[in-house]
């Protein structure tokens, strides 16, 4: 494997992202390091929301429901780059609104934050949050595909400052997936060799997002600079602001937006970390009539040092499902009728080379609510959450490798000594 600097993507192209993100955080991080308060079992956790678009607002509703059920928490603050969204959360919860996330992080009533902004902002804002003494629920993907080094910095800062971080890979909190992990650890199929899953959807609504106000423009009610973060400075358009998942500057298409749902639980069940090699193919095959930059077809193959491969194909033009399968050297596991976002499945079939087939009931659940319960419990106990920052970093590196392989049309390898993606 050639590991010279001239072939290292991270050293050539990640340095600008790292420097700019550091500049963003420099003015807000230093005064707040390690100032989080110690919470007792009966203390109310003050939660701030950074980004309350579609997914962020759904998290607000999840927390509201948990509070109704008796969770000792309160929604105390909200930040979003569009005033309308901030105002709606204030109207429903009484939270204090902030134009800038740095102002929210300075609020002593905030113990933990939920970050659900566009991908590019996750890691810079999360670094600011842990340095401000806050615990963090960070939506997937953990970071943008250009931010491998910065994502590692987030991981290292979280460990150094002893913060609790939950990455929004909610499949890790699904009881059905826990059963699969137990079967693998018990040796039900021997050594796993190959996983074949998939993500299939008919429609581009996930990327061509709604534009609620075609007349919106930068100003006191819309923070365009805050939205851009460390992304390239380009003129404002309502498409880029509201329908940002179409653009590579802010997102990564199926690989980083959709694959965390189907890929992440397998990583957890198998106990793997960072792949040694990634290849990917695909393109814009279906939705070719507008300014979409991210692919609508994406196929990923990862090889791991543990001597197994994970293969995930995807198309957004056909929703017909496949049956996720884990093939071992002594048998096979299949998952029947996986649910939306792989929150679970009806049953698990274990088919050994020798012996009888077993069908084990599994079931589907609201894994997002379970993920939030796990996070809030860990905020109190300081235990490791179900999808902690180290796990999230390993997933992010794998997805970054696949997307870079696709974009550069090269095999992506990981140099474990230098902790770099090499193309």
Protein backbone atom coordinates (compact mmCIF):
# COMPACT_ATOMS: atom_id res chain seq x y z
CA UNK A 1 0.00 0.00 0.00
CA UNK A 2 1.41 3.37 -0.98
CA UNK A 3 1.21 5.67 2.04
CA UNK A 4 3.34 8.58 0.84
CA UNK A 5 1.96 12.09 1.48
CA UNK A 6 1.38 12.65 -2.24
CA UNK A 7 -1.31 9.95 -2.16
CA UNK A 8 -2.94 10.92 1.12
CA UNK A 9 -6.34 12.56 0.61
CA UNK A 10 -6.51 13.74 4.21
CA UNK A 11 -3.28 15.70 4.09
CA UNK A 12 -3.96 17.29 0.72
CA UNK A 13 -7.61 18.13 0.98
CA UNK A 14 -8.80 17.93 4.60
CA UNK A 15 -6.46 20.60 5.93
CA UNK A 16 -8.64 23.49 4.74
CA UNK A 17 -11.69 22.05 6.48
CA UNK A 18 -9.79 21.51 9.72
CA UNK A 19 -8.35 25.02 9.76
CA UNK A 20 -11.64 26.72 8.98
CA UNK A 21 -13.55 24.71 11.55
CA UNK A 22 -10.93 25.50 14.15
CA UNK A 23 -11.39 29.19 13.37
CA UNK A 24 -15.14 28.86 13.81
CA UNK A 25 -14.73 27.33 17.24
CA UNK A 26 -11.82 29.43 18.48
CA UNK A 27 -13.91 32.36 19.61
CA UNK A 28 -16.38 30.23 21.58
CA UNK A 29 -14.55 27.20 22.93
CA UNK A 30 -11.93 28.40 25.36
CA UNK A 31 -14.00 30.16 28.08
CA UNK A 32 -16.30 27.18 28.69
CA UNK A 33 -14.06 24.14 28.92
CA UNK A 34 -15.20 21.59 31.51
CA UNK A 35 -17.91 23.77 33.05
CA UNK A 36 -20.75 21.23 32.86
CA UNK A 37 -22.63 20.85 36.15
CA UNK A 38 -22.87 17.53 37.97
CA UNK A 39 -26.42 16.15 37.80
CA UNK A 40 -28.09 14.21 40.56
CA UNK A 41 -30.60 11.43 39.95
CA UNK A 42 -33.55 13.80 40.42
CA UNK A 43 -32.11 16.89 38.75
CA UNK A 44 -33.83 18.11 35.62
CA UNK A 45 -31.64 17.96 32.51
CA UNK A 46 -31.74 21.20 30.52
CA UNK A 47 -31.67 20.44 26.79
CA UNK A 48 -30.82 22.83 23.97
CA UNK A 49 -31.58 22.11 20.33
CA UNK A 50 -29.17 23.22 17.61
CA UNK A 51 -30.97 22.83 14.29
CA UNK A 52 -34.73 22.20 14.28
CA UNK A 53 -35.56 21.41 10.67
CA UNK A 54 -37.35 18.16 9.83
CA UNK A 55 -35.19 15.78 11.87
CA UNK A 56 -34.36 18.27 14.60
CA UNK A 57 -38.02 19.14 15.13
CA UNK A 58 -38.86 15.43 15.37
CA UNK A 59 -36.29 15.20 18.18
CA UNK A 60 -38.04 18.08 19.94
CA UNK A 61 -41.27 16.07 19.79
CA UNK A 62 -39.53 12.92 21.03
CA UNK A 63 -38.18 14.77 24.06
CA UNK A 64 -41.56 16.40 24.71
CA UNK A 65 -43.15 12.94 24.79
CA UNK A 66 -40.47 11.63 27.16
CA UNK A 67 -41.10 14.58 29.47
CA UNK A 68 -44.82 13.78 29.44
CA UNK A 69 -43.94 10.23 30.43
CA UNK A 70 -42.01 11.49 33.46
CA UNK A 71 -38.47 12.07 32.20
CA UNK A 72 -36.78 14.72 34.35
CA UNK A 73 -35.79 17.04 31.49
CA UNK A 74 -36.70 20.43 30.10
CA UNK A 75 -36.29 22.02 26.67
CA UNK A 76 -34.61 25.28 27.60
CA UNK A 77 -32.97 26.66 24.44
CA UNK A 78 -33.12 26.52 20.65
CA UNK A 79 -30.89 27.69 17.83
CA UNK A 80 -31.55 27.52 14.09
CA UNK A 81 -30.34 29.54 11.14
CA UNK A 82 -33.95 30.32 10.14
CA UNK A 83 -36.05 32.40 12.54
CA UNK A 84 -39.35 30.73 11.62
CA UNK A 85 -38.13 27.36 12.92
CA UNK A 86 -36.75 28.89 16.11
CA UNK A 87 -40.02 30.68 16.77
CA UNK A 88 -42.07 27.52 16.34
CA UNK A 89 -40.07 25.66 19.00
CA UNK A 90 -40.32 28.67 21.32
CA UNK A 91 -44.08 28.73 20.81
CA UNK A 92 -44.43 25.05 21.68
CA UNK A 93 -41.91 24.74 24.51
CA UNK A 94 -41.12 28.17 25.95
CA UNK A 95 -37.43 27.67 25.18
CA UNK A 96 -35.12 30.64 24.81
CA UNK A 97 -34.16 31.35 21.18
CA UNK A 98 -30.61 32.05 20.02
CA UNK A 99 -29.42 33.17 16.58
CA UNK A 100 -25.95 31.63 17.03
CA UNK A 101 -25.14 28.21 18.45
CA UNK A 102 -22.27 29.76 20.44
CA UNK A 103 -24.81 31.88 22.34
CA UNK A 104 -26.86 28.80 23.19
CA UNK A 105 -23.75 26.99 24.45
CA UNK A 106 -23.03 29.92 26.80
CA UNK A 107 -26.41 29.40 28.52
CA UNK A 108 -25.78 27.81 31.94
CA UNK A 109 -29.27 26.27 31.89
CA UNK A 110 -28.20 24.00 29.03
CA UNK A 111 -26.72 20.68 30.21
CA UNK A 112 -26.99 18.77 26.93
CA UNK A 113 -27.56 19.66 23.30
CA UNK A 114 -29.11 17.94 20.33
CA UNK A 115 -27.32 18.78 17.07
CA UNK A 116 -29.43 18.18 13.96
CA UNK A 117 -28.05 20.76 11.55
CA UNK A 118 -26.80 19.97 8.02
CA UNK A 119 -23.99 17.40 8.01
CA UNK A 120 -21.21 19.91 7.55
CA UNK A 121 -22.02 21.65 10.83
CA UNK A 122 -22.27 18.60 13.10
CA UNK A 123 -18.63 18.19 14.07
CA UNK A 124 -17.65 21.88 14.46
CA UNK A 125 -20.73 22.51 16.61
CA UNK A 126 -20.20 19.31 18.60
CA UNK A 127 -16.59 20.22 19.34
CA UNK A 128 -17.76 23.60 20.58
CA UNK A 129 -20.37 21.86 22.74
CA UNK A 130 -18.05 19.42 24.50
CA UNK A 131 -15.58 22.24 25.11
CA UNK A 132 -18.44 24.20 26.63
CA UNK A 133 -19.03 21.38 29.10
CA UNK A 134 -22.17 20.07 27.40
CA UNK A 135 -23.15 16.49 26.62
CA UNK A 136 -24.22 15.90 23.04
CA UNK A 137 -26.80 13.95 21.05
CA UNK A 138 -25.39 14.36 17.52
CA UNK A 139 -27.45 13.28 14.54
CA UNK A 140 -25.98 10.99 11.94
CA UNK A 141 -23.84 11.20 9.98
CA UNK A 142 -21.41 12.24 12.68
CA UNK A 143 -19.74 14.59 10.22
CA UNK A 144 -19.35 15.61 6.60
CA UNK A 145 -17.43 13.35 4.22
CA UNK A 146 -14.57 15.90 4.02
CA UNK A 147 -14.07 15.98 7.80
CA UNK A 148 -12.30 12.74 8.71
CA UNK A 149 -9.53 14.49 10.63
CA UNK A 150 -11.95 16.87 12.30
CA UNK A 151 -14.19 13.94 13.29
CA UNK A 152 -11.22 12.31 14.97
CA UNK A 153 -10.59 15.57 16.81
CA UNK A 154 -14.20 15.50 18.05
CA UNK A 155 -13.67 11.95 19.31
CA UNK A 156 -10.44 12.89 21.06
CA UNK A 157 -11.90 16.02 22.66
CA UNK A 158 -14.91 14.07 23.93
CA UNK A 159 -12.65 11.54 25.63
CA UNK A 160 -10.31 14.23 27.00
CA UNK A 161 -13.14 16.28 28.47
CA UNK A 162 -15.12 13.24 29.69
CA UNK A 163 -18.34 14.26 27.98
CA UNK A 164 -21.20 11.93 27.06
CA UNK A 165 -21.86 11.81 23.32
CA UNK A 166 -24.59 9.79 21.60
CA UNK A 167 -24.47 9.61 17.80
CA UNK A 168 -27.93 9.30 16.24
CA UNK A 169 -27.49 5.74 14.98
CA UNK A 170 -30.67 4.65 16.74
CA UNK A 171 -30.52 1.08 15.45
CA UNK A 172 -28.00 0.47 18.25
CA UNK A 173 -30.88 0.88 20.72
CA UNK A 174 -33.16 -1.62 18.94
CA UNK A 175 -33.84 -4.81 20.93
CA UNK A 176 -34.10 -6.76 17.66
CA UNK A 177 -30.56 -5.87 16.66
CA UNK A 178 -29.30 -6.78 20.11
CA UNK A 179 -30.59 -10.32 19.52
CA UNK A 180 -28.58 -10.54 16.30
CA UNK A 181 -25.45 -9.41 18.11
CA UNK A 182 -25.95 -12.04 20.81
CA UNK A 183 -26.34 -14.80 18.21
CA UNK A 184 -23.12 -13.78 16.48
CA UNK A 185 -21.18 -13.61 19.75
CA UNK A 186 -22.52 -17.04 20.70
CA UNK A 187 -21.06 -18.47 17.49
CA UNK A 188 -24.40 -19.38 15.91
CA UNK A 189 -22.94 -19.11 12.39
CA UNK A 190 -19.23 -19.42 13.13
CA UNK A 191 -17.01 -16.62 11.90
CA UNK A 192 -19.02 -14.04 9.88
CA UNK A 193 -17.58 -13.68 6.38
CA UNK A 194 -20.04 -11.66 4.32
CA UNK A 195 -22.94 -9.28 5.00
CA UNK A 196 -25.26 -8.29 2.17
CA UNK A 197 -27.99 -5.77 3.02
CA UNK A 198 -29.33 -2.81 1.04
CA UNK A 199 -31.28 0.44 1.07
CA UNK A 200 -34.09 0.78 -1.47
CA UNK A 201 -36.49 3.66 -1.96
CA UNK A 202 -38.70 4.92 -4.77
CA UNK A 203 -38.49 8.68 -4.85
CA UNK A 204 -36.05 11.54 -4.42
CA UNK A 205 -37.97 13.36 -1.70
CA UNK A 206 -35.18 12.71 0.79
CA UNK A 207 -32.79 14.88 -1.21
CA UNK A 208 -35.15 17.26 -3.04
CA UNK A 209 -36.44 18.68 0.23
CA UNK A 210 -39.40 21.05 0.57
CA UNK A 211 -38.87 24.80 0.17
CA UNK A 212 -41.32 26.32 2.65
CA UNK A 213 -40.54 29.94 1.73
CA UNK A 214 -39.38 30.59 -1.87
CA UNK A 215 -38.95 34.30 -1.02
CA UNK A 216 -36.54 33.72 1.89
CA UNK A 217 -33.27 35.64 1.80
CA UNK A 218 -30.29 36.29 4.09
CA UNK A 219 -30.78 38.87 6.80
CA UNK A 220 -31.94 39.14 10.40
CA UNK A 221 -34.28 36.15 9.93
CA UNK A 222 -31.92 33.87 7.96
CA UNK A 223 -28.29 33.31 8.93
CA UNK A 224 -26.68 32.27 5.64
CA UNK A 225 -23.12 32.52 6.98
CA UNK A 226 -24.07 30.34 9.93
CA UNK A 227 -25.58 27.78 7.56
CA UNK A 228 -22.42 27.67 5.43
CA UNK A 229 -20.02 27.12 8.32
CA UNK A 230 -16.75 25.93 6.79
CA UNK A 231 -18.32 25.10 3.40
CA UNK A 232 -17.25 27.00 0.28
CA UNK A 233 -18.59 30.55 0.29
CA UNK A 234 -21.21 30.68 -2.45
CA UNK A 235 -24.13 33.05 -3.14
CA UNK A 236 -27.39 32.30 -1.36
CA UNK A 237 -30.13 30.32 -3.08
CA UNK A 238 -33.29 28.97 -1.48
CA UNK A 239 -32.46 25.55 -2.94
CA UNK A 240 -29.11 25.38 -1.19
CA UNK A 241 -30.57 26.56 2.10
CA UNK A 242 -33.73 24.44 2.25
CA UNK A 243 -32.88 21.54 -0.06
CA UNK A 244 -29.28 21.14 1.02
CA UNK A 245 -29.15 17.34 0.78
CA UNK A 246 -28.88 17.65 -3.01
CA UNK A 247 -25.41 19.19 -2.76
CA UNK A 248 -22.04 17.62 -2.02
CA UNK A 249 -20.93 20.76 -0.15
CA UNK A 250 -23.36 19.86 2.64
CA UNK A 251 -24.20 16.15 2.28
CA UNK A 252 -23.07 12.85 0.80
CA UNK A 253 -26.19 11.28 -0.65
CA UNK A 254 -27.23 7.71 0.18
CA UNK A 255 -23.80 6.78 1.52
CA UNK A 256 -23.75 9.19 4.46
CA UNK A 257 -27.45 10.05 4.74
CA UNK A 258 -29.15 6.65 4.36
CA UNK A 259 -26.50 3.99 4.96
CA UNK A 260 -26.06 4.84 8.65
CA UNK A 261 -29.52 3.32 9.18
CA UNK A 262 -28.82 -0.04 7.55
CA UNK A 263 -25.02 -0.27 7.89
CA UNK A 264 -24.49 0.86 11.47
CA UNK A 265 -26.35 -1.98 13.26
CA UNK A 266 -24.21 -4.54 11.44
CA UNK A 267 -21.05 -2.76 12.60
CA UNK A 268 -22.33 -2.97 16.17
CA UNK A 269 -23.38 -6.62 15.93
CA UNK A 270 -20.13 -7.71 14.32
CA UNK A 271 -17.87 -5.69 16.61
CA UNK A 272 -15.78 -4.34 13.73
CA UNK A 273 -14.15 -0.91 13.69
CA UNK A 274 -12.50 0.67 10.64
CA UNK A 275 -12.34 -1.14 7.28
CA UNK A 276 -9.02 -1.69 5.59
CA UNK A 277 -10.43 -1.15 2.10
CA UNK A 278 -13.49 0.39 0.43
CA UNK A 279 -14.76 0.50 -3.12
CA UNK A 280 -17.96 2.11 -4.36
CA UNK A 281 -19.87 2.65 -7.59
CA UNK A 282 -23.08 4.29 -8.80
CA UNK A 283 -24.14 7.69 -10.03
CA UNK A 284 -27.13 9.87 -10.89
CA UNK A 285 -29.05 7.33 -12.95
CA UNK A 286 -32.68 8.32 -12.37
CA UNK A 287 -33.10 11.94 -11.23
CA UNK A 288 -31.22 13.76 -13.95
CA UNK A 289 -33.45 16.77 -14.66
CA UNK A 290 -32.40 19.16 -11.86
CA UNK A 291 -29.28 20.36 -10.06
CA UNK A 292 -28.75 17.23 -7.96
CA UNK A 293 -25.08 16.52 -7.17
CA UNK A 294 -25.33 13.47 -4.88
CA UNK A 295 -25.87 10.03 -6.45
CA UNK A 296 -29.24 8.29 -6.52
CA UNK A 297 -27.60 4.88 -6.96
CA UNK A 298 -24.75 3.90 -4.66
CA UNK A 299 -23.12 0.52 -4.05
CA UNK A 300 -20.58 0.03 -1.28
CA UNK A 301 -18.21 -2.84 -0.49
CA UNK A 302 -16.03 -2.74 2.63
CA UNK A 303 -13.32 -5.22 3.63
CA UNK A 304 -12.35 -5.40 7.30
CA UNK A 305 -9.13 -6.60 8.97
CA UNK A 306 -11.31 -9.14 10.80
CA UNK A 307 -11.56 -10.93 7.42
CA UNK A 308 -15.13 -10.15 6.49
CA UNK A 309 -16.87 -7.98 3.92
CA UNK A 310 -19.98 -5.79 4.13
CA UNK A 311 -21.79 -5.09 0.85
CA UNK A 312 -24.66 -2.59 0.62
CA UNK A 313 -26.33 -1.69 -2.70
CA UNK A 314 -28.79 1.18 -2.99
CA UNK A 315 -31.19 2.63 -5.52
CA UNK A 316 -33.75 5.39 -5.05
CA UNK A 317 -35.78 4.32 -8.09
CA UNK A 318 -37.18 1.02 -6.77
CA UNK A 319 -38.37 0.21 -3.25
CA UNK A 320 -38.61 -3.57 -3.59
CA UNK A 321 -36.77 -4.93 -0.52
CA UNK A 322 -34.18 -7.65 -0.13
CA UNK A 323 -33.57 -9.90 2.86
CA UNK A 324 -30.50 -8.78 4.85
CA UNK A 325 -28.13 -11.73 5.27
CA UNK A 326 -25.07 -12.50 7.36
CA UNK A 327 -23.11 -15.48 6.02
CA UNK A 328 -20.70 -17.22 8.36
CA UNK A 329 -18.39 -20.19 7.84
CA UNK A 330 -20.80 -22.40 9.84
CA UNK A 331 -24.20 -21.00 8.90
CA UNK A 332 -26.37 -18.06 7.87
CA UNK A 333 -28.53 -15.44 9.58
CA UNK A 334 -31.35 -13.75 7.67
CA UNK A 335 -33.61 -10.92 8.84
CA UNK A 336 -37.27 -11.07 7.87
CA UNK A 337 -39.26 -7.95 6.91
CA UNK A 338 -36.92 -5.20 8.14
CA UNK A 339 -38.76 -2.03 9.07
CA UNK A 340 -38.34 1.55 7.94
CA UNK A 341 -34.87 2.81 8.96
CA UNK A 342 -34.12 -0.73 10.19
CA UNK A 343 -35.62 -0.11 13.63
CA UNK A 344 -36.10 -3.85 13.77
CA UNK A 345 -37.61 -6.77 11.87
CA UNK A 346 -40.23 -9.41 12.38
CA UNK A 347 -37.90 -12.34 13.01
CA UNK A 348 -34.36 -13.71 12.76
CA UNK A 349 -33.66 -17.00 10.99
CA UNK A 350 -30.55 -18.95 11.95
CA UNK A 351 -29.66 -21.60 9.37
CA UNK A 352 -26.65 -23.67 10.48
CA UNK A 353 -24.71 -25.96 8.16
CA UNK A 354 -25.46 -28.75 10.62
CA UNK A 355 -28.64 -28.83 12.68
CA UNK A 356 -32.09 -27.39 12.35
CA UNK A 357 -33.15 -23.94 11.27
CA UNK A 358 -34.33 -21.63 14.07
CA UNK A 359 -36.78 -18.76 13.65
CA UNK A 360 -36.55 -16.30 16.53
CA UNK A 361 -39.21 -13.57 16.96
CA UNK A 362 -37.73 -10.07 17.00
CA UNK A 363 -40.11 -7.12 16.54
CA UNK A 364 -40.03 -3.43 15.66
CA UNK A 365 -39.90 -0.48 18.00
CA UNK A 366 -39.43 3.28 18.25
CA UNK A 367 -35.68 3.05 18.45
CA UNK A 368 -35.26 6.85 18.43
CA UNK A 369 -37.14 7.16 21.72
CA UNK A 370 -35.10 4.29 23.19
CA UNK A 371 -31.92 6.02 21.95
CA UNK A 372 -32.91 9.25 23.72
CA UNK A 373 -33.71 7.37 26.94
CA UNK A 374 -30.29 5.74 26.80
CA UNK A 375 -28.61 9.11 26.22
CA UNK A 376 -30.37 10.86 29.10
CA UNK A 377 -29.62 7.98 31.43
CA UNK A 378 -25.95 8.18 30.50
CA UNK A 379 -25.94 11.96 31.04
CA UNK A 380 -26.81 11.13 34.66
CA UNK A 381 -24.63 8.04 35.17
CA UNK A 382 -21.69 9.08 32.92
CA UNK A 383 -21.74 5.61 31.38
CA UNK A 384 -20.98 4.93 27.71
CA UNK A 385 -24.11 5.31 25.55
CA UNK A 386 -25.33 2.81 22.94
CA UNK A 387 -23.73 4.70 20.03
CA UNK A 388 -20.85 6.54 21.63
CA UNK A 389 -18.44 8.89 19.89
CA UNK A 390 -15.78 6.22 19.26
CA UNK A 391 -18.33 3.98 17.56
CA UNK A 392 -19.64 6.95 15.57
CA UNK A 393 -16.13 7.81 14.44
CA UNK A 394 -15.48 4.28 13.17
CA UNK A 395 -18.73 4.38 11.18
CA UNK A 396 -17.90 7.83 9.79
CA UNK A 397 -14.46 6.76 8.57
CA UNK A 398 -15.96 3.76 6.77
CA UNK A 399 -18.59 5.87 5.02
CA UNK A 400 -16.06 8.56 4.15
CA UNK A 401 -13.83 5.91 2.58
CA UNK A 402 -16.68 4.64 0.43
CA UNK A 403 -17.78 8.08 -0.75
CA UNK A 404 -14.22 9.17 -1.53
CA UNK A 405 -13.74 5.95 -3.50
CA UNK A 406 -16.83 6.81 -5.53
CA UNK A 407 -15.93 10.48 -6.08
CA UNK A 408 -12.27 9.83 -6.93
CA UNK A 409 -12.92 6.55 -8.80
CA UNK A 410 -10.17 4.87 -6.79
CA UNK A 411 -9.84 2.18 -4.16
CA UNK A 412 -9.79 3.76 -0.69
CA UNK A 413 -7.52 2.13 1.87
CA UNK A 414 -6.95 2.97 5.51
CA UNK A 415 -3.44 3.43 6.89
CA UNK A 416 -3.86 2.28 10.50
CA UNK A 417 -0.41 3.53 11.51
CA UNK A 418 -0.97 7.10 10.33
CA UNK A 419 -4.77 7.01 10.83
CA UNK A 420 -5.39 8.29 7.31
CA UNK A 421 -7.54 7.44 4.34
CA UNK A 422 -5.29 6.70 1.38
CA UNK A 423 -6.45 6.80 -2.24
